[in-house]
Structures are given as C-alpha cells and as structure tokens.
N, C-alpha and C. Protein backbone atom coordinates (compact mmCIF):
# COMPACT_ATOMS: atom_id res chain seq x y z
N MET A 1 12.25 35.97 -10.75
CA MET A 1 13.13 36.67 -9.88
C MET A 1 12.67 38.18 -9.83
N PRO A 2 12.56 38.81 -8.60
CA PRO A 2 12.15 40.14 -8.53
C PRO A 2 13.19 41.16 -9.17
N ARG A 3 12.71 42.26 -9.57
CA ARG A 3 13.51 43.28 -10.22
C ARG A 3 14.35 44.08 -9.20
N ILE A 4 15.43 44.64 -9.59
CA ILE A 4 16.23 45.45 -8.69
C ILE A 4 15.89 46.93 -8.95
N ALA A 5 15.42 47.58 -7.91
CA ALA A 5 14.99 48.97 -8.02
C ALA A 5 15.80 49.78 -7.00
N LEU A 6 16.45 50.85 -7.47
CA LEU A 6 17.34 51.66 -6.67
C LEU A 6 16.71 52.95 -6.29
N GLN A 7 16.56 53.21 -4.98
CA GLN A 7 16.07 54.49 -4.43
C GLN A 7 17.36 55.12 -3.80
N VAL A 8 17.71 56.36 -4.27
CA VAL A 8 18.92 56.99 -3.94
C VAL A 8 18.74 57.69 -2.57
N HIS A 9 17.69 58.42 -2.39
CA HIS A 9 17.49 59.26 -1.23
C HIS A 9 16.18 58.88 -0.51
N PRO A 10 16.00 58.99 0.77
CA PRO A 10 14.80 58.59 1.44
C PRO A 10 13.58 59.50 1.01
N SER A 11 13.80 60.71 0.51
CA SER A 11 12.66 61.51 0.13
C SER A 11 12.24 61.28 -1.44
N ASP A 12 12.94 60.39 -2.13
CA ASP A 12 12.60 60.09 -3.46
C ASP A 12 11.26 59.47 -3.58
N ASN A 13 10.49 59.94 -4.62
CA ASN A 13 9.19 59.25 -4.87
C ASN A 13 9.14 58.39 -6.16
N VAL A 14 10.42 58.13 -6.63
CA VAL A 14 10.65 57.16 -7.65
C VAL A 14 11.80 56.25 -7.36
N VAL A 15 11.86 55.14 -8.02
CA VAL A 15 12.97 54.25 -8.03
C VAL A 15 13.42 54.10 -9.45
N THR A 16 14.67 53.70 -9.64
CA THR A 16 15.18 53.48 -10.92
C THR A 16 15.39 51.91 -11.08
N LEU A 17 14.90 51.29 -12.17
CA LEU A 17 15.00 49.93 -12.42
C LEU A 17 16.34 49.67 -13.00
N ILE A 18 17.20 48.79 -12.42
CA ILE A 18 18.59 48.58 -12.85
C ILE A 18 18.92 47.11 -13.30
N ASP A 19 17.94 46.56 -13.96
CA ASP A 19 18.09 45.20 -14.51
C ASP A 19 17.35 45.15 -15.85
N ALA A 20 17.43 43.99 -16.44
CA ALA A 20 16.80 43.83 -17.81
C ALA A 20 15.53 42.94 -17.74
N LEU A 21 15.03 42.69 -16.56
CA LEU A 21 13.83 41.81 -16.36
C LEU A 21 12.57 42.53 -16.69
N VAL A 22 12.38 43.06 -17.87
CA VAL A 22 11.27 43.98 -18.19
C VAL A 22 9.99 43.30 -17.97
N ASP A 23 9.80 42.04 -18.21
CA ASP A 23 8.49 41.38 -17.96
C ASP A 23 8.15 41.07 -16.48
N GLU A 24 9.07 41.23 -15.64
CA GLU A 24 8.79 40.98 -14.11
C GLU A 24 8.07 42.20 -13.56
N THR A 25 7.03 41.96 -12.83
CA THR A 25 6.17 42.97 -12.27
C THR A 25 6.46 43.29 -10.76
N ARG A 26 7.33 42.53 -10.14
CA ARG A 26 7.63 42.83 -8.78
C ARG A 26 9.10 43.23 -8.54
N THR A 27 9.33 44.09 -7.62
CA THR A 27 10.76 44.50 -7.22
C THR A 27 11.17 43.84 -5.94
N ARG A 28 12.38 43.84 -5.73
CA ARG A 28 12.89 43.24 -4.46
C ARG A 28 12.40 44.03 -3.16
N CYS A 29 12.08 45.30 -3.39
CA CYS A 29 11.52 46.13 -2.34
C CYS A 29 10.04 45.98 -2.14
N GLY A 30 9.41 45.11 -2.89
CA GLY A 30 7.97 44.88 -2.81
C GLY A 30 7.03 45.78 -3.68
N LEU A 31 7.57 46.62 -4.50
CA LEU A 31 6.72 47.47 -5.38
C LEU A 31 6.21 46.61 -6.51
N THR A 32 4.90 46.79 -6.82
CA THR A 32 4.33 46.17 -8.01
C THR A 32 4.29 47.12 -9.16
N LEU A 33 4.88 46.83 -10.25
CA LEU A 33 4.97 47.59 -11.43
C LEU A 33 3.68 47.37 -12.29
N ARG A 34 3.17 48.48 -12.72
CA ARG A 34 1.85 48.40 -13.47
C ARG A 34 2.12 48.15 -14.97
N ASP A 35 3.36 48.43 -15.47
CA ASP A 35 3.68 48.21 -16.85
C ASP A 35 5.11 47.74 -16.95
N PRO A 36 5.48 47.20 -18.14
CA PRO A 36 6.89 46.82 -18.38
C PRO A 36 7.72 48.10 -18.37
N ILE A 37 8.80 48.07 -17.69
CA ILE A 37 9.70 49.26 -17.52
C ILE A 37 11.12 48.89 -17.87
N ALA A 38 11.66 49.67 -18.78
CA ALA A 38 13.04 49.36 -19.32
C ALA A 38 14.10 49.62 -18.28
N PHE A 39 15.29 49.10 -18.47
CA PHE A 39 16.43 49.36 -17.64
C PHE A 39 16.74 50.78 -17.60
N GLY A 40 16.97 51.44 -16.48
CA GLY A 40 17.29 52.79 -16.37
C GLY A 40 16.12 53.78 -16.23
N HIS A 41 14.92 53.23 -16.40
CA HIS A 41 13.74 54.07 -16.30
C HIS A 41 13.14 54.02 -14.87
N LYS A 42 12.28 54.92 -14.59
CA LYS A 42 11.74 55.08 -13.23
C LYS A 42 10.36 54.64 -13.03
N ALA A 43 10.06 54.22 -11.71
CA ALA A 43 8.75 53.93 -11.37
C ALA A 43 8.36 54.62 -10.15
N ALA A 44 7.06 55.03 -9.95
CA ALA A 44 6.64 55.75 -8.83
C ALA A 44 6.54 54.81 -7.63
N THR A 45 7.02 55.33 -6.45
CA THR A 45 6.87 54.50 -5.22
C THR A 45 5.59 54.96 -4.42
N ARG A 46 4.96 56.01 -4.86
CA ARG A 46 3.77 56.46 -4.19
C ARG A 46 2.98 57.31 -5.27
N THR A 47 1.70 57.58 -5.00
CA THR A 47 0.97 58.40 -5.86
C THR A 47 1.55 59.81 -5.97
N ILE A 48 1.75 60.30 -7.18
CA ILE A 48 2.20 61.65 -7.37
C ILE A 48 1.09 62.43 -8.14
N ALA A 49 0.60 63.48 -7.54
CA ALA A 49 -0.49 64.27 -8.09
C ALA A 49 -0.03 65.12 -9.24
N GLU A 50 -0.95 65.49 -10.13
CA GLU A 50 -0.63 66.38 -11.32
C GLU A 50 0.00 67.62 -10.68
N GLY A 51 1.06 68.09 -11.22
CA GLY A 51 1.80 69.24 -10.76
C GLY A 51 2.73 69.08 -9.60
N GLU A 52 2.67 67.89 -8.99
CA GLU A 52 3.64 67.60 -7.90
C GLU A 52 5.07 67.28 -8.43
N SER A 53 5.98 67.53 -7.59
CA SER A 53 7.42 67.25 -7.93
C SER A 53 7.70 65.75 -7.98
N VAL A 54 8.48 65.45 -9.16
CA VAL A 54 8.95 64.11 -9.13
C VAL A 54 10.40 64.16 -8.53
N ILE A 55 10.69 63.50 -7.58
CA ILE A 55 11.97 63.61 -6.74
C ILE A 55 12.85 62.41 -6.86
N LYS A 56 14.04 62.61 -7.34
CA LYS A 56 15.12 61.62 -7.40
C LYS A 56 16.34 62.23 -6.94
N TYR A 57 17.23 61.48 -6.24
CA TYR A 57 18.49 62.03 -5.61
C TYR A 57 18.19 63.06 -4.60
N GLY A 58 17.00 63.07 -4.09
CA GLY A 58 16.51 64.02 -3.08
C GLY A 58 16.20 65.39 -3.64
N VAL A 59 16.17 65.59 -4.97
CA VAL A 59 15.86 66.94 -5.58
C VAL A 59 14.76 66.68 -6.61
N THR A 60 14.19 67.82 -6.95
CA THR A 60 13.06 67.75 -8.01
C THR A 60 13.84 67.60 -9.40
N ILE A 61 13.29 66.57 -10.07
CA ILE A 61 13.81 66.35 -11.43
C ILE A 61 12.71 66.69 -12.56
N GLY A 62 11.53 66.98 -12.04
CA GLY A 62 10.49 67.30 -12.95
C GLY A 62 9.15 67.49 -12.19
N ARG A 63 8.07 67.66 -12.97
CA ARG A 63 6.78 67.76 -12.40
C ARG A 63 5.80 66.78 -13.11
N ALA A 64 4.86 66.21 -12.40
CA ALA A 64 3.96 65.33 -13.03
C ALA A 64 2.93 66.17 -13.92
N THR A 65 2.80 65.73 -15.07
CA THR A 65 1.87 66.37 -16.04
C THR A 65 0.43 65.82 -15.96
N ARG A 66 0.31 64.74 -15.16
CA ARG A 66 -0.93 64.07 -14.92
C ARG A 66 -0.78 63.25 -13.72
N PRO A 67 -1.82 62.70 -13.08
CA PRO A 67 -1.63 61.87 -11.92
C PRO A 67 -0.80 60.58 -12.25
N ILE A 68 0.07 60.23 -11.39
CA ILE A 68 0.96 59.04 -11.54
C ILE A 68 0.60 58.13 -10.35
N GLU A 69 0.28 56.89 -10.61
CA GLU A 69 -0.08 55.94 -9.54
C GLU A 69 1.15 55.15 -9.18
N VAL A 70 1.10 54.58 -7.95
CA VAL A 70 2.14 53.72 -7.51
C VAL A 70 2.43 52.54 -8.50
N GLY A 71 3.69 52.41 -8.83
CA GLY A 71 4.11 51.38 -9.76
C GLY A 71 4.04 51.83 -11.24
N ASP A 72 3.57 53.06 -11.52
CA ASP A 72 3.47 53.48 -12.86
C ASP A 72 4.90 53.82 -13.38
N HIS A 73 5.12 53.75 -14.68
CA HIS A 73 6.35 54.18 -15.36
C HIS A 73 6.38 55.70 -15.27
N VAL A 74 7.43 56.27 -14.87
CA VAL A 74 7.59 57.75 -14.78
C VAL A 74 8.62 58.12 -15.88
N HIS A 75 8.11 58.90 -16.90
CA HIS A 75 8.93 59.29 -18.04
C HIS A 75 8.30 60.47 -18.72
N VAL A 76 8.67 60.79 -19.86
CA VAL A 76 8.26 62.05 -20.62
C VAL A 76 6.76 62.01 -20.93
N HIS A 77 6.08 60.89 -20.91
CA HIS A 77 4.66 60.85 -21.16
C HIS A 77 3.85 61.36 -19.90
N ASN A 78 4.50 61.47 -18.73
CA ASN A 78 3.72 61.98 -17.57
C ASN A 78 4.43 62.84 -16.70
N CYS A 79 5.56 63.32 -17.19
CA CYS A 79 6.29 64.39 -16.32
C CYS A 79 7.11 65.24 -17.27
N CYS A 80 7.43 66.47 -16.90
CA CYS A 80 8.27 67.27 -17.68
C CYS A 80 9.32 67.96 -16.77
C-alpha cells in the first residue's frame, strides 16, 4: 500500500509522511522515497540545492546544508 504524503502549500518542496508504513518506498502522489522515513518526517519533492530554502506551509523552515535529491529524507542531517 502506498504511503500517505501531505503537501500543505503548492510552493512546498517537501511533503510530510503521515503513516507508519516506513518500509514502503512509494507515496500515493507517486513520489519514490530513497530511504525509510518515519511518521511525521519530511521528504523532498524536488532537488533542493545546498543553501536553498526548505519550504513547508508555503514558508521557509530551513536551508539545505548539502544537496537534497528527490525522495530524500529532509531532517537535521541535511538542513538547518
């Protein structure tokens, strides 16, 4: 069963995973996850360059500290 990924605003470059299907790699919106991602964590919907804004809720919530690929887990290891 595909994962449920929530995109709040059209300009968001991340989605939030809102289910516990950690081992599933596909989302209902067609995104392929590159790693297992826990409930409530984010995944990139497009490539985010180092230094680029991470956008959720239509606002900047952080900056990428290294390049983030589509489907990557977005968390403290790659944004601040």
